[in-house]
Amino acid sequence: MEGVILRAPGGFGVEMRDGCNGINVTVLLWAAILAFPAPWKLKAYGLAIGTLAIQLLNVARFISLFYLGQYSATWFELAHEYLWETLLILDTVVVFWLWVGRVSRSGALRHAGD
């Protein structure tokens, strides 16, 4: 490891840049949860669990790209630019959908005018 670069003994390395840390989809999830009419306790739960889920998936993304890049530059680029970006967005949507389901089942759903 060299600063923010994880380098294999053979020379291949991946760098964790600002756009690679999952913050963009985390902000998207936070905006959706905070805008949803639910009690603050459930919002805090959704923010914590959702952020954890996104960050765990992002760690898996980073590790898989590190190993994939050692074997194929073409597959690395495909996974980096398209596959993982799509999976992170889908993860965010699924986390929000599951959280909304939990809020609805709890009966704590507030109306917009309340």
Protein backbone atom coordinates (compact mmCIF):
# COMPACT_ATOMS: atom_id res chain seq x y z
CA MET A 1 0.00 0.00 0.00
CA GLU A 2 1.31 3.42 -1.00
CA GLY A 3 -0.92 6.15 0.43
CA VAL A 4 -4.27 5.73 -1.33
CA ILE A 5 -2.87 3.26 -3.89
CA LEU A 6 -3.16 -0.48 -3.34
CA ARG A 7 -0.45 -2.09 -5.45
CA ALA A 8 0.11 -5.78 -6.23
CA PRO A 9 3.66 -7.16 -6.23
CA GLY A 10 3.46 -7.45 -10.04
CA GLY A 11 2.97 -3.70 -10.41
CA PHE A 12 -0.81 -3.31 -10.91
CA GLY A 13 -2.41 -0.85 -8.56
CA VAL A 14 -5.74 0.79 -7.88
CA GLU A 15 -6.20 4.24 -6.40
CA MET A 16 -9.10 5.20 -4.18
CA ARG A 17 -10.09 8.66 -5.45
CA ASP A 18 -12.84 10.95 -4.19
CA GLY A 19 -15.43 9.61 -6.66
CA CYS A 20 -14.59 6.00 -5.75
CA ASN A 21 -15.63 6.10 -2.11
CA GLY A 22 -19.38 5.65 -2.59
CA ILE A 23 -20.18 9.12 -1.28
CA ASN A 24 -22.23 10.02 -4.37
CA VAL A 25 -24.75 7.20 -3.82
CA THR A 26 -24.64 7.72 -0.05
CA VAL A 27 -25.73 11.34 -0.57
CA LEU A 28 -28.50 10.09 -2.87
CA LEU A 29 -29.72 7.68 -0.18
CA TRP A 30 -29.55 10.33 2.53
CA ALA A 31 -31.54 12.78 0.41
CA ALA A 32 -34.23 10.17 -0.27
CA ILE A 33 -34.51 9.11 3.39
CA LEU A 34 -34.50 12.65 4.75
CA ALA A 35 -37.18 13.72 2.28
CA PHE A 36 -39.43 10.77 3.13
CA PRO A 37 -42.23 11.46 5.63
CA ALA A 38 -41.13 9.22 8.51
CA PRO A 39 -40.22 9.75 12.18
CA TRP A 40 -36.65 10.90 12.87
CA LYS A 41 -35.81 7.72 14.77
CA LEU A 42 -36.59 5.59 11.71
CA LYS A 43 -34.74 8.03 9.48
CA ALA A 44 -31.63 7.73 11.68
CA TYR A 45 -31.91 3.93 11.50
CA GLY A 46 -32.20 4.04 7.71
CA LEU A 47 -29.27 6.43 7.36
CA ALA A 48 -27.00 4.30 9.54
CA ILE A 49 -27.88 0.91 8.06
CA GLY A 50 -28.02 2.24 4.51
CA THR A 51 -24.65 3.97 4.76
CA LEU A 52 -23.12 0.79 6.19
CA ALA A 53 -24.60 -1.33 3.37
CA ILE A 54 -23.27 1.01 0.69
CA GLN A 55 -19.81 1.21 2.24
CA LEU A 56 -19.56 -2.58 2.64
CA LEU A 57 -20.50 -3.06 -1.00
CA ASN A 58 -17.98 -0.41 -1.97
CA VAL A 59 -15.21 -2.28 -0.12
CA ALA A 60 -16.19 -5.45 -2.03
CA ARG A 61 -16.08 -3.37 -5.22
CA PHE A 62 -12.61 -2.07 -4.48
CA ILE A 63 -11.24 -5.54 -3.63
CA SER A 64 -12.79 -7.15 -6.71
CA LEU A 65 -11.41 -4.42 -8.97
CA PHE A 66 -7.96 -4.87 -7.45
CA TYR A 67 -7.93 -8.59 -8.26
CA LEU A 68 -9.68 -8.21 -11.60
CA GLY A 69 -7.19 -5.59 -12.77
CA GLN A 70 -4.31 -7.96 -12.21
CA TYR A 71 -5.67 -10.36 -14.80
CA SER A 72 -7.46 -8.31 -17.45
CA ALA A 73 -7.39 -4.58 -18.17
CA THR A 74 -10.46 -4.94 -20.40
CA TRP A 75 -12.56 -6.63 -17.70
CA PHE A 76 -11.27 -4.15 -15.13
CA GLU A 77 -12.46 -1.20 -17.22
CA LEU A 78 -15.85 -2.82 -17.90
CA ALA A 79 -16.40 -3.63 -14.23
CA HIS A 80 -15.12 -0.26 -13.05
CA GLU A 81 -17.00 1.97 -15.47
CA TYR A 82 -20.28 0.10 -15.88
CA LEU A 83 -20.90 -2.96 -13.70
CA TRP A 84 -19.98 -1.62 -10.28
CA GLU A 85 -21.44 1.84 -10.88
CA THR A 86 -24.76 0.22 -11.76
CA LEU A 87 -24.61 -2.18 -8.80
CA LEU A 88 -23.96 0.66 -6.35
CA ILE A 89 -26.95 2.62 -7.66
CA LEU A 90 -29.13 -0.51 -7.51
CA ASP A 91 -27.93 -1.20 -3.97
CA THR A 92 -28.95 2.32 -2.99
CA VAL A 93 -32.41 1.90 -4.53
CA VAL A 94 -32.88 -1.50 -2.87
CA VAL A 95 -31.78 -0.18 0.54
CA PHE A 96 -34.24 2.71 0.24
CA TRP A 97 -37.02 0.38 -0.94
CA LEU A 98 -36.43 -2.00 2.00
CA TRP A 99 -36.35 0.90 4.43
CA VAL A 100 -39.62 2.33 3.06
CA GLY A 101 -41.18 -1.13 3.46
CA ARG A 102 -40.05 -1.25 7.07
CA VAL A 103 -41.41 2.24 7.75
CA SER A 104 -44.75 1.30 6.13
CA ARG A 105 -45.03 -1.93 8.13
CA SER A 106 -44.30 -0.09 11.37
CA GLY A 107 -47.35 2.13 10.84
CA ALA A 108 -45.19 5.20 11.45
CA LEU A 109 -45.70 6.70 8.02
CA ARG A 110 -46.61 10.38 8.32
CA HIS A 111 -48.61 12.29 5.80
CA ALA A 112 -46.88 15.15 4.01
CA GLY A 113 -49.13 17.77 5.64
CA ASP A 114 -48.60 16.56 9.24
